[in-house]
ModelCIF file with pLDDT and N, C-alpha, C, O atoms, coordinates in Angstrom:
data_MODEL
#
_entry.id   MODEL 
#
_entity.id                         1 
_entity.type                       polymer 
_entity.pdbx_number_of_molecules   1 
#
_entity_poly.entity_id                      1 
_entity_poly.type                           'polypeptide(L)' 
_entity_poly.nstd_linkage                   no 
_entity_poly.nstd_monomer                   no 
_entity_poly.pdbx_seq_one_letter_code       PSRWRRYDPSRGLDELRSLVTTVAADEGIEVIGDIGVTSHVGDILRRA 
_entity_poly.pdbx_seq_one_letter_code_can   PSRWRRYDPSRGLDELRSLVTTVAADEGIEVIGDIGVTSHVGDILRRA 
_entity_poly.pdbx_strand_id                 A 
#
loop_
_entity_poly_seq.entity_id 
_entity_poly_seq.num 
_entity_poly_seq.mon_id 
_entity_poly_seq.hetero 
1 1  PRO n 
1 2  SER n 
1 3  ARG n 
1 4  TRP n 
1 5  ARG n 
1 6  ARG n 
1 7  TYR n 
1 8  ASP n 
1 9  PRO n 
1 10 SER n 
1 11 ARG n 
1 12 GLY n 
1 13 LEU n 
1 14 ASP n 
1 15 GLU n 
1 16 LEU n 
1 17 ARG n 
1 18 SER n 
1 19 LEU n 
1 20 VAL n 
1 21 THR n 
1 22 THR n 
1 23 VAL n 
1 24 ALA n 
1 25 ALA n 
1 26 ASP n 
1 27 GLU n 
1 28 GLY n 
1 29 ILE n 
1 30 GLU n 
1 31 VAL n 
1 32 ILE n 
1 33 GLY n 
1 34 ASP n 
1 35 ILE n 
1 36 GLY n 
1 37 VAL n 
1 38 THR n 
1 39 SER n 
1 40 HIS n 
1 41 VAL n 
1 42 GLY n 
1 43 ASP n 
1 44 ILE n 
1 45 LEU n 
1 46 ARG n 
1 47 ARG n 
1 48 ALA n 
#
_struct_asym.id          A 
_struct_asym.entity_id   1 
#
loop_
_ma_qa_metric.id 
_ma_qa_metric.mode 
_ma_qa_metric.name 
_ma_qa_metric.software_group_id 
_ma_qa_metric.type 
1 global pLDDT . pLDDT 
2 local  pLDDT . pLDDT 
#
_ma_qa_metric_global.metric_id      1 
_ma_qa_metric_global.metric_value   91.15 
_ma_qa_metric_global.model_id       1 
_ma_qa_metric_global.ordinal_id     1 
#
loop_
_ma_qa_metric_local.label_asym_id 
_ma_qa_metric_local.label_comp_id 
_ma_qa_metric_local.label_seq_id 
_ma_qa_metric_local.metric_id 
_ma_qa_metric_local.metric_value 
_ma_qa_metric_local.model_id 
_ma_qa_metric_local.ordinal_id 
A PRO 1  2 93.00 1 1  
A SER 2  2 94.00 1 2  
A ARG 3  2 94.00 1 3  
A TRP 4  2 95.00 1 4  
A ARG 5  2 94.00 1 5  
A ARG 6  2 94.00 1 6  
A TYR 7  2 93.00 1 7  
A ASP 8  2 92.00 1 8  
A PRO 9  2 91.00 1 9  
A SER 10 2 89.00 1 10 
A ARG 11 2 90.00 1 11 
A GLY 12 2 90.00 1 12 
A LEU 13 2 92.00 1 13 
A ASP 14 2 90.00 1 14 
A GLU 15 2 93.00 1 15 
A LEU 16 2 93.00 1 16 
A ARG 17 2 92.00 1 17 
A SER 18 2 93.00 1 18 
A LEU 19 2 95.00 1 19 
A VAL 20 2 93.00 1 20 
A THR 21 2 93.00 1 21 
A THR 22 2 94.00 1 22 
A VAL 23 2 93.00 1 23 
A ALA 24 2 94.00 1 24 
A ALA 25 2 92.00 1 25 
A ASP 26 2 93.00 1 26 
A GLU 27 2 94.00 1 27 
A GLY 28 2 95.00 1 28 
A ILE 29 2 94.00 1 29 
A GLU 30 2 93.00 1 30 
A VAL 31 2 93.00 1 31 
A ILE 32 2 91.00 1 32 
A GLY 33 2 85.00 1 33 
A ASP 34 2 83.00 1 34 
A ILE 35 2 85.00 1 35 
A GLY 36 2 85.00 1 36 
A VAL 37 2 86.00 1 37 
A THR 38 2 88.00 1 38 
A SER 39 2 89.00 1 39 
A HIS 40 2 89.00 1 40 
A VAL 41 2 90.00 1 41 
A GLY 42 2 89.00 1 42 
A ASP 43 2 89.00 1 43 
A ILE 44 2 91.00 1 44 
A LEU 45 2 92.00 1 45 
A ARG 46 2 88.00 1 46 
A ARG 47 2 87.00 1 47 
A ALA 48 2 90.00 1 48 
#
loop_
_atom_site.group_PDB 
_atom_site.id 
_atom_site.type_symbol 
_atom_site.label_atom_id 
_atom_site.label_alt_id 
_atom_site.label_comp_id 
_atom_site.label_asym_id 
_atom_site.label_entity_id 
_atom_site.label_seq_id 
_atom_site.pdbx_PDB_ins_code 
_atom_site.Cartn_x 
_atom_site.Cartn_y 
_atom_site.Cartn_z 
_atom_site.occupancy 
_atom_site.B_iso_or_equiv 
_atom_site.pdbx_formal_charge 
_atom_site.auth_seq_id 
_atom_site.auth_comp_id 
_atom_site.auth_asym_id 
_atom_site.auth_atom_id 
_atom_site.pdbx_PDB_model_num 
ATOM 1   N N  . PRO A 1 1  ? 51.681 9.059   40.640 1.00 93.00 ? 1  PRO A N  1 
ATOM 2   C CA . PRO A 1 1  ? 50.738 9.894   39.884 1.00 93.00 ? 1  PRO A CA 1 
ATOM 3   C C  . PRO A 1 1  ? 50.569 11.268  40.541 1.00 93.00 ? 1  PRO A C  1 
ATOM 4   O O  . PRO A 1 1  ? 50.814 11.433  41.736 1.00 93.00 ? 1  PRO A O  1 
ATOM 5   N N  . SER A 1 2  ? 50.155 12.230  39.753 1.00 94.00 ? 2  SER A N  1 
ATOM 6   C CA . SER A 1 2  ? 49.921 13.576  40.292 1.00 94.00 ? 2  SER A CA 1 
ATOM 7   C C  . SER A 1 2  ? 48.528 13.708  40.899 1.00 94.00 ? 2  SER A C  1 
ATOM 8   O O  . SER A 1 2  ? 48.269 14.615  41.689 1.00 94.00 ? 2  SER A O  1 
ATOM 9   N N  . ARG A 1 3  ? 47.640 12.802  40.525 1.00 94.00 ? 3  ARG A N  1 
ATOM 10  C CA . ARG A 1 3  ? 46.287 12.832  41.074 1.00 94.00 ? 3  ARG A CA 1 
ATOM 11  C C  . ARG A 1 3  ? 45.835 11.420  41.413 1.00 94.00 ? 3  ARG A C  1 
ATOM 12  O O  . ARG A 1 3  ? 46.242 10.449  40.775 1.00 94.00 ? 3  ARG A O  1 
ATOM 13  N N  . TRP A 1 4  ? 44.975 11.324  42.441 1.00 95.00 ? 4  TRP A N  1 
ATOM 14  C CA . TRP A 1 4  ? 44.451 10.025  42.875 1.00 95.00 ? 4  TRP A CA 1 
ATOM 15  C C  . TRP A 1 4  ? 42.931 10.011  42.751 1.00 95.00 ? 4  TRP A C  1 
ATOM 16  O O  . TRP A 1 4  ? 42.255 10.974  43.111 1.00 95.00 ? 4  TRP A O  1 
ATOM 17  N N  . ARG A 1 5  ? 42.414 8.914   42.242 1.00 94.00 ? 5  ARG A N  1 
ATOM 18  C CA . ARG A 1 5  ? 40.974 8.699   42.229 1.00 94.00 ? 5  ARG A CA 1 
ATOM 19  C C  . ARG A 1 5  ? 40.656 7.577   43.208 1.00 94.00 ? 5  ARG A C  1 
ATOM 20  O O  . ARG A 1 5  ? 41.418 6.620   43.337 1.00 94.00 ? 5  ARG A O  1 
ATOM 21  N N  . ARG A 1 6  ? 39.536 7.701   43.890 1.00 94.00 ? 6  ARG A N  1 
ATOM 22  C CA . ARG A 1 6  ? 39.230 6.762   44.966 1.00 94.00 ? 6  ARG A CA 1 
ATOM 23  C C  . ARG A 1 6  ? 38.223 5.699   44.518 1.00 94.00 ? 6  ARG A C  1 
ATOM 24  O O  . ARG A 1 6  ? 37.319 5.951   43.721 1.00 94.00 ? 6  ARG A O  1 
ATOM 25  N N  . TYR A 1 7  ? 38.423 4.515   45.061 1.00 93.00 ? 7  TYR A N  1 
ATOM 26  C CA . TYR A 1 7  ? 37.533 3.384   44.763 1.00 93.00 ? 7  TYR A CA 1 
ATOM 27  C C  . TYR A 1 7  ? 37.135 2.725   46.075 1.00 93.00 ? 7  TYR A C  1 
ATOM 28  O O  . TYR A 1 7  ? 37.986 2.391   46.898 1.00 93.00 ? 7  TYR A O  1 
ATOM 29  N N  . ASP A 1 8  ? 35.839 2.543   46.258 1.00 92.00 ? 8  ASP A N  1 
ATOM 30  C CA . ASP A 1 8  ? 35.282 1.878   47.432 1.00 92.00 ? 8  ASP A CA 1 
ATOM 31  C C  . ASP A 1 8  ? 34.954 0.435   47.056 1.00 92.00 ? 8  ASP A C  1 
ATOM 32  O O  . ASP A 1 8  ? 34.073 0.220   46.224 1.00 92.00 ? 8  ASP A O  1 
ATOM 33  N N  . PRO A 1 9  ? 35.628 -0.569  47.638 1.00 91.00 ? 9  PRO A N  1 
ATOM 34  C CA . PRO A 1 9  ? 35.402 -1.968  47.258 1.00 91.00 ? 9  PRO A CA 1 
ATOM 35  C C  . PRO A 1 9  ? 33.958 -2.429  47.432 1.00 91.00 ? 9  PRO A C  1 
ATOM 36  O O  . PRO A 1 9  ? 33.537 -3.403  46.808 1.00 91.00 ? 9  PRO A O  1 
ATOM 37  N N  . SER A 1 10 ? 33.198 -1.731  48.278 1.00 89.00 ? 10 SER A N  1 
ATOM 38  C CA . SER A 1 10 ? 31.812 -2.152  48.475 1.00 89.00 ? 10 SER A CA 1 
ATOM 39  C C  . SER A 1 10 ? 30.977 -1.951  47.213 1.00 89.00 ? 10 SER A C  1 
ATOM 40  O O  . SER A 1 10 ? 29.871 -2.481  47.111 1.00 89.00 ? 10 SER A O  1 
ATOM 41  N N  . ARG A 1 11 ? 31.499 -1.188  46.252 1.00 90.00 ? 11 ARG A N  1 
ATOM 42  C CA . ARG A 1 11 ? 30.763 -0.927  45.017 1.00 90.00 ? 11 ARG A CA 1 
ATOM 43  C C  . ARG A 1 11 ? 30.940 -2.032  43.970 1.00 90.00 ? 11 ARG A C  1 
ATOM 44  O O  . ARG A 1 11 ? 30.323 -1.984  42.906 1.00 90.00 ? 11 ARG A O  1 
ATOM 45  N N  . GLY A 1 12 ? 31.781 -3.026  44.273 1.00 90.00 ? 12 GLY A N  1 
ATOM 46  C CA . GLY A 1 12 ? 31.895 -4.191  43.401 1.00 90.00 ? 12 GLY A CA 1 
ATOM 47  C C  . GLY A 1 12 ? 33.037 -4.111  42.407 1.00 90.00 ? 12 GLY A C  1 
ATOM 48  O O  . GLY A 1 12 ? 33.565 -3.038  42.117 1.00 90.00 ? 12 GLY A O  1 
ATOM 49  N N  . LEU A 1 13 ? 33.406 -5.287  41.888 1.00 92.00 ? 13 LEU A N  1 
ATOM 50  C CA . LEU A 1 13 ? 34.559 -5.374  40.995 1.00 92.00 ? 13 LEU A CA 1 
ATOM 51  C C  . LEU A 1 13 ? 34.266 -4.834  39.600 1.00 92.00 ? 13 LEU A C  1 
ATOM 52  O O  . LEU A 1 13 ? 35.171 -4.337  38.930 1.00 92.00 ? 13 LEU A O  1 
ATOM 53  N N  . ASP A 1 14 ? 33.015 -4.923  39.153 1.00 90.00 ? 14 ASP A N  1 
ATOM 54  C CA . ASP A 1 14 ? 32.705 -4.398  37.820 1.00 90.00 ? 14 ASP A CA 1 
ATOM 55  C C  . ASP A 1 14 ? 32.964 -2.894  37.745 1.00 90.00 ? 14 ASP A C  1 
ATOM 56  O O  . ASP A 1 14 ? 33.410 -2.383  36.718 1.00 90.00 ? 14 ASP A O  1 
ATOM 57  N N  . GLU A 1 15 ? 32.680 -2.186  38.849 1.00 93.00 ? 15 GLU A N  1 
ATOM 58  C CA . GLU A 1 15 ? 32.949 -0.749  38.849 1.00 93.00 ? 15 GLU A CA 1 
ATOM 59  C C  . GLU A 1 15 ? 34.445 -0.479  38.778 1.00 93.00 ? 15 GLU A C  1 
ATOM 60  O O  . GLU A 1 15 ? 34.881 0.466   38.120 1.00 93.00 ? 15 GLU A O  1 
ATOM 61  N N  . LEU A 1 16 ? 35.236 -1.314  39.460 1.00 93.00 ? 16 LEU A N  1 
ATOM 62  C CA . LEU A 1 16 ? 36.684 -1.139  39.386 1.00 93.00 ? 16 LEU A CA 1 
ATOM 63  C C  . LEU A 1 16 ? 37.184 -1.401  37.965 1.00 93.00 ? 16 LEU A C  1 
ATOM 64  O O  . LEU A 1 16 ? 38.057 -0.683  37.478 1.00 93.00 ? 16 LEU A O  1 
ATOM 65  N N  . ARG A 1 17 ? 36.646 -2.409  37.304 1.00 92.00 ? 17 ARG A N  1 
ATOM 66  C CA . ARG A 1 17 ? 37.060 -2.685  35.926 1.00 92.00 ? 17 ARG A CA 1 
ATOM 67  C C  . ARG A 1 17 ? 36.758 -1.493  35.018 1.00 92.00 ? 17 ARG A C  1 
ATOM 68  O O  . ARG A 1 17 ? 37.553 -1.146  34.144 1.00 92.00 ? 17 ARG A O  1 
ATOM 69  N N  . SER A 1 18 ? 35.615 -0.885  35.234 1.00 93.00 ? 18 SER A N  1 
ATOM 70  C CA . SER A 1 18 ? 35.273 0.308   34.445 1.00 93.00 ? 18 SER A CA 1 
ATOM 71  C C  . SER A 1 18 ? 36.197 1.467   34.779 1.00 93.00 ? 18 SER A C  1 
ATOM 72  O O  . SER A 1 18 ? 36.617 2.211   33.893 1.00 93.00 ? 18 SER A O  1 
ATOM 73  N N  . LEU A 1 19 ? 36.512 1.618   36.066 1.00 95.00 ? 19 LEU A N  1 
ATOM 74  C CA . LEU A 1 19 ? 37.350 2.720   36.503 1.00 95.00 ? 19 LEU A CA 1 
ATOM 75  C C  . LEU A 1 19 ? 38.734 2.661   35.876 1.00 95.00 ? 19 LEU A C  1 
ATOM 76  O O  . LEU A 1 19 ? 39.254 3.688   35.439 1.00 95.00 ? 19 LEU A O  1 
ATOM 77  N N  . VAL A 1 20 ? 39.345 1.472   35.823 1.00 93.00 ? 20 VAL A N  1 
ATOM 78  C CA . VAL A 1 20 ? 40.716 1.382   35.315 1.00 93.00 ? 20 VAL A CA 1 
ATOM 79  C C  . VAL A 1 20 ? 40.787 1.729   33.830 1.00 93.00 ? 20 VAL A C  1 
ATOM 80  O O  . VAL A 1 20 ? 41.849 2.103   33.331 1.00 93.00 ? 20 VAL A O  1 
ATOM 81  N N  . THR A 1 21 ? 39.661 1.607   33.121 1.00 93.00 ? 21 THR A N  1 
ATOM 82  C CA . THR A 1 21 ? 39.680 1.969   31.695 1.00 93.00 ? 21 THR A CA 1 
ATOM 83  C C  . THR A 1 21 ? 39.611 3.476   31.483 1.00 93.00 ? 21 THR A C  1 
ATOM 84  O O  . THR A 1 21 ? 39.848 3.950   30.372 1.00 93.00 ? 21 THR A O  1 
ATOM 85  N N  . THR A 1 22 ? 39.291 4.239   32.528 1.00 94.00 ? 22 THR A N  1 
ATOM 86  C CA . THR A 1 22 ? 39.152 5.694   32.389 1.00 94.00 ? 22 THR A CA 1 
ATOM 87  C C  . THR A 1 22 ? 40.277 6.465   33.070 1.00 94.00 ? 22 THR A C  1 
ATOM 88  O O  . THR A 1 22 ? 40.318 7.693   32.987 1.00 94.00 ? 22 THR A O  1 
ATOM 89  N N  . VAL A 1 23 ? 41.191 5.766   33.742 1.00 93.00 ? 23 VAL A N  1 
ATOM 90  C CA . VAL A 1 23 ? 42.267 6.435   34.468 1.00 93.00 ? 23 VAL A CA 1 
ATOM 91  C C  . VAL A 1 23 ? 43.270 7.036   33.480 1.00 93.00 ? 23 VAL A C  1 
ATOM 92  O O  . VAL A 1 23 ? 43.744 6.348   32.576 1.00 93.00 ? 23 VAL A O  1 
ATOM 93  N N  . ALA A 1 24 ? 43.586 8.307   33.654 1.00 94.00 ? 24 ALA A N  1 
ATOM 94  C CA . ALA A 1 24 ? 44.556 8.983   32.788 1.00 94.00 ? 24 ALA A CA 1 
ATOM 95  C C  . ALA A 1 24 ? 45.978 8.568   33.153 1.00 94.00 ? 24 ALA A C  1 
ATOM 96  O O  . ALA A 1 24 ? 46.215 7.948   34.190 1.00 94.00 ? 24 ALA A O  1 
ATOM 97  N N  . ALA A 1 25 ? 46.923 8.924   32.275 1.00 92.00 ? 25 ALA A N  1 
ATOM 98  C CA . ALA A 1 25 ? 48.315 8.510   32.469 1.00 92.00 ? 25 ALA A CA 1 
ATOM 99  C C  . ALA A 1 25 ? 48.915 9.072   33.749 1.00 92.00 ? 25 ALA A C  1 
ATOM 100 O O  . ALA A 1 25 ? 49.825 8.464   34.312 1.00 92.00 ? 25 ALA A O  1 
ATOM 101 N N  . ASP A 1 26 ? 48.430 10.222  34.229 1.00 93.00 ? 26 ASP A N  1 
ATOM 102 C CA . ASP A 1 26 ? 48.995 10.827  35.427 1.00 93.00 ? 26 ASP A CA 1 
ATOM 103 C C  . ASP A 1 26 ? 48.135 10.561  36.660 1.00 93.00 ? 26 ASP A C  1 
ATOM 104 O O  . ASP A 1 26 ? 48.305 11.229  37.680 1.00 93.00 ? 26 ASP A O  1 
ATOM 105 N N  . GLU A 1 27 ? 47.222 9.607   36.586 1.00 94.00 ? 27 GLU A N  1 
ATOM 106 C CA . GLU A 1 27 ? 46.334 9.314   37.706 1.00 94.00 ? 27 GLU A CA 1 
ATOM 107 C C  . GLU A 1 27 ? 46.606 7.938   38.293 1.00 94.00 ? 27 GLU A C  1 
ATOM 108 O O  . GLU A 1 27 ? 47.107 7.039   37.617 1.00 94.00 ? 27 GLU A O  1 
ATOM 109 N N  . GLY A 1 28 ? 46.264 7.798   39.561 1.00 95.00 ? 28 GLY A N  1 
ATOM 110 C CA . GLY A 1 28 ? 46.317 6.521   40.246 1.00 95.00 ? 28 GLY A CA 1 
ATOM 111 C C  . GLY A 1 28 ? 45.008 6.263   40.972 1.00 95.00 ? 28 GLY A C  1 
ATOM 112 O O  . GLY A 1 28 ? 44.108 7.103   40.963 1.00 95.00 ? 28 GLY A O  1 
ATOM 113 N N  . ILE A 1 29 ? 44.907 5.105   41.596 1.00 94.00 ? 29 ILE A N  1 
ATOM 114 C CA . ILE A 1 29 ? 43.684 4.729   42.308 1.00 94.00 ? 29 ILE A CA 1 
ATOM 115 C C  . ILE A 1 29 ? 44.019 4.414   43.754 1.00 94.00 ? 29 ILE A C  1 
ATOM 116 O O  . ILE A 1 29 ? 44.909 3.615   44.047 1.00 94.00 ? 29 ILE A O  1 
ATOM 117 N N  . GLU A 1 30 ? 43.276 5.069   44.663 1.00 93.00 ? 30 GLU A N  1 
ATOM 118 C CA . GLU A 1 30 ? 43.339 4.756   46.086 1.00 93.00 ? 30 GLU A CA 1 
ATOM 119 C C  . GLU A 1 30 ? 42.162 3.857   46.437 1.00 93.00 ? 30 GLU A C  1 
ATOM 120 O O  . GLU A 1 30 ? 41.008 4.189   46.164 1.00 93.00 ? 30 GLU A O  1 
ATOM 121 N N  . VAL A 1 31 ? 42.469 2.714   47.045 1.00 93.00 ? 31 VAL A N  1 
ATOM 122 C CA . VAL A 1 31 ? 41.435 1.760   47.451 1.00 93.00 ? 31 VAL A CA 1 
ATOM 123 C C  . VAL A 1 31 ? 41.138 1.989   48.930 1.00 93.00 ? 31 VAL A C  1 
ATOM 124 O O  . VAL A 1 31 ? 42.026 1.904   49.778 1.00 93.00 ? 31 VAL A O  1 
ATOM 125 N N  . ILE A 1 32 ? 39.896 2.274   49.214 1.00 91.00 ? 32 ILE A N  1 
ATOM 126 C CA . ILE A 1 32 ? 39.503 2.648   50.568 1.00 91.00 ? 32 ILE A CA 1 
ATOM 127 C C  . ILE A 1 32 ? 39.249 1.400   51.406 1.00 91.00 ? 32 ILE A C  1 
ATOM 128 O O  . ILE A 1 32 ? 38.511 0.505   50.992 1.00 91.00 ? 32 ILE A O  1 
ATOM 129 N N  . GLY A 1 33 ? 39.860 1.345   52.579 1.00 85.00 ? 33 GLY A N  1 
ATOM 130 C CA . GLY A 1 33 ? 39.538 0.295   53.541 1.00 85.00 ? 33 GLY A CA 1 
ATOM 131 C C  . GLY A 1 33 ? 40.648 -0.709  53.727 1.00 85.00 ? 33 GLY A C  1 
ATOM 132 O O  . GLY A 1 33 ? 41.689 -0.649  53.073 1.00 85.00 ? 33 GLY A O  1 
ATOM 133 N N  . ASP A 1 34 ? 40.405 -1.624  54.625 1.00 83.00 ? 34 ASP A N  1 
ATOM 134 C CA . ASP A 1 34 ? 41.368 -2.650  54.998 1.00 83.00 ? 34 ASP A CA 1 
ATOM 135 C C  . ASP A 1 34 ? 41.058 -3.917  54.208 1.00 83.00 ? 34 ASP A C  1 
ATOM 136 O O  . ASP A 1 34 ? 40.285 -4.763  54.657 1.00 83.00 ? 34 ASP A O  1 
ATOM 137 N N  . ILE A 1 35 ? 41.658 -4.042  53.043 1.00 85.00 ? 35 ILE A N  1 
ATOM 138 C CA . ILE A 1 35 ? 41.446 -5.227  52.210 1.00 85.00 ? 35 ILE A CA 1 
ATOM 139 C C  . ILE A 1 35 ? 42.806 -5.855  51.914 1.00 85.00 ? 35 ILE A C  1 
ATOM 140 O O  . ILE A 1 35 ? 43.849 -5.257  52.177 1.00 85.00 ? 35 ILE A O  1 
ATOM 141 N N  . GLY A 1 36 ? 42.780 -7.057  51.368 1.00 85.00 ? 36 GLY A N  1 
ATOM 142 C CA . GLY A 1 36 ? 44.023 -7.728  51.023 1.00 85.00 ? 36 GLY A CA 1 
ATOM 143 C C  . GLY A 1 36 ? 44.563 -7.275  49.675 1.00 85.00 ? 36 GLY A C  1 
ATOM 144 O O  . GLY A 1 36 ? 43.812 -7.164  48.706 1.00 85.00 ? 36 GLY A O  1 
ATOM 145 N N  . VAL A 1 37 ? 45.860 -7.014  49.613 1.00 86.00 ? 37 VAL A N  1 
ATOM 146 C CA . VAL A 1 37 ? 46.444 -6.671  48.317 1.00 86.00 ? 37 VAL A CA 1 
ATOM 147 C C  . VAL A 1 37 ? 46.522 -7.898  47.413 1.00 86.00 ? 37 VAL A C  1 
ATOM 148 O O  . VAL A 1 37 ? 46.762 -7.764  46.214 1.00 86.00 ? 37 VAL A O  1 
ATOM 149 N N  . THR A 1 38 ? 46.321 -9.101  47.976 1.00 88.00 ? 38 THR A N  1 
ATOM 150 C CA . THR A 1 38 ? 46.284 -10.315 47.166 1.00 88.00 ? 38 THR A CA 1 
ATOM 151 C C  . THR A 1 38 ? 44.871 -10.651 46.694 1.00 88.00 ? 38 THR A C  1 
ATOM 152 O O  . THR A 1 38 ? 44.671 -11.662 46.021 1.00 88.00 ? 38 THR A O  1 
ATOM 153 N N  . SER A 1 39 ? 43.889 -9.813  47.039 1.00 89.00 ? 39 SER A N  1 
ATOM 154 C CA . SER A 1 39 ? 42.500 -10.052 46.628 1.00 89.00 ? 39 SER A CA 1 
ATOM 155 C C  . SER A 1 39 ? 42.331 -9.788  45.139 1.00 89.00 ? 39 SER A C  1 
ATOM 156 O O  . SER A 1 39 ? 43.277 -9.387  44.461 1.00 89.00 ? 39 SER A O  1 
ATOM 157 N N  . HIS A 1 40 ? 41.110 -10.016 44.627 1.00 89.00 ? 40 HIS A N  1 
ATOM 158 C CA . HIS A 1 40 ? 40.837 -9.752  43.214 1.00 89.00 ? 40 HIS A CA 1 
ATOM 159 C C  . HIS A 1 40 ? 40.998 -8.271  42.879 1.00 89.00 ? 40 HIS A C  1 
ATOM 160 O O  . HIS A 1 40 ? 41.344 -7.926  41.749 1.00 89.00 ? 40 HIS A O  1 
ATOM 161 N N  . VAL A 1 41 ? 40.750 -7.396  43.851 1.00 90.00 ? 41 VAL A N  1 
ATOM 162 C CA . VAL A 1 41 ? 40.976 -5.963  43.621 1.00 90.00 ? 41 VAL A CA 1 
ATOM 163 C C  . VAL A 1 41 ? 42.438 -5.724  43.249 1.00 90.00 ? 41 VAL A C  1 
ATOM 164 O O  . VAL A 1 41 ? 42.738 -5.010  42.292 1.00 90.00 ? 41 VAL A O  1 
ATOM 165 N N  . GLY A 1 42 ? 43.337 -6.326  44.015 1.00 89.00 ? 42 GLY A N  1 
ATOM 166 C CA . GLY A 1 42 ? 44.761 -6.189  43.708 1.00 89.00 ? 42 GLY A CA 1 
ATOM 167 C C  . GLY A 1 42 ? 45.123 -6.792  42.370 1.00 89.00 ? 42 GLY A C  1 
ATOM 168 O O  . GLY A 1 42 ? 45.921 -6.222  41.625 1.00 89.00 ? 42 GLY A O  1 
ATOM 169 N N  . ASP A 1 43 ? 44.537 -7.957  42.052 1.00 89.00 ? 43 ASP A N  1 
ATOM 170 C CA . ASP A 1 43 ? 44.819 -8.591  40.768 1.00 89.00 ? 43 ASP A CA 1 
ATOM 171 C C  . ASP A 1 43 ? 44.432 -7.680  39.601 1.00 89.00 ? 43 ASP A C  1 
ATOM 172 O O  . ASP A 1 43 ? 45.190 -7.525  38.643 1.00 89.00 ? 43 ASP A O  1 
ATOM 173 N N  . ILE A 1 44 ? 43.247 -7.083  39.696 1.00 91.00 ? 44 ILE A N  1 
ATOM 174 C CA . ILE A 1 44 ? 42.771 -6.220  38.608 1.00 91.00 ? 44 ILE A CA 1 
ATOM 175 C C  . ILE A 1 44 ? 43.703 -5.029  38.415 1.00 91.00 ? 44 ILE A C  1 
ATOM 176 O O  . ILE A 1 44 ? 44.054 -4.691  37.285 1.00 91.00 ? 44 ILE A O  1 
ATOM 177 N N  . LEU A 1 45 ? 44.103 -4.394  39.512 1.00 92.00 ? 45 LEU A N  1 
ATOM 178 C CA . LEU A 1 45 ? 44.958 -3.210  39.419 1.00 92.00 ? 45 LEU A CA 1 
ATOM 179 C C  . LEU A 1 45 ? 46.356 -3.551  38.917 1.00 92.00 ? 45 LEU A C  1 
ATOM 180 O O  . LEU A 1 45 ? 46.937 -2.791  38.142 1.00 92.00 ? 45 LEU A O  1 
ATOM 181 N N  . ARG A 1 46 ? 46.899 -4.678  39.347 1.00 88.00 ? 46 ARG A N  1 
ATOM 182 C CA . ARG A 1 46 ? 48.227 -5.079  38.855 1.00 88.00 ? 46 ARG A CA 1 
ATOM 183 C C  . ARG A 1 46 ? 48.176 -5.428  37.374 1.00 88.00 ? 46 ARG A C  1 
ATOM 184 O O  . ARG A 1 46 ? 49.084 -5.069  36.625 1.00 88.00 ? 46 ARG A O  1 
ATOM 185 N N  . ARG A 1 47 ? 47.134 -6.117  36.946 1.00 87.00 ? 47 ARG A N  1 
ATOM 186 C CA . ARG A 1 47 ? 47.022 -6.467  35.536 1.00 87.00 ? 47 ARG A CA 1 
ATOM 187 C C  . ARG A 1 47 ? 46.898 -5.220  34.661 1.00 87.00 ? 47 ARG A C  1 
ATOM 188 O O  . ARG A 1 47 ? 47.426 -5.169  33.550 1.00 87.00 ? 47 ARG A O  1 
ATOM 189 N N  . ALA A 1 48 ? 46.199 -4.228  35.178 1.00 90.00 ? 48 ALA A N  1 
ATOM 190 C CA . ALA A 1 48 ? 46.033 -2.989  34.430 1.00 90.00 ? 48 ALA A CA 1 
ATOM 191 C C  . ALA A 1 48 ? 47.237 -2.066  34.567 1.00 90.00 ? 48 ALA A C  1 
ATOM 192 O O  . ALA A 1 48 ? 47.249 -0.978  33.992 1.00 90.00 ? 48 ALA A O  1 
#
């Protein structure tokens, strides 16, 4: 993507679900912190 939007996992999964519905075609999401890519955060982003 040409632009990155940031997501802090401490804000909860519902916020991430809302975020992925607003991401433009040229945008991506950077997840802040040391989390597992196999976590629910990763599942949501891969599904989207």
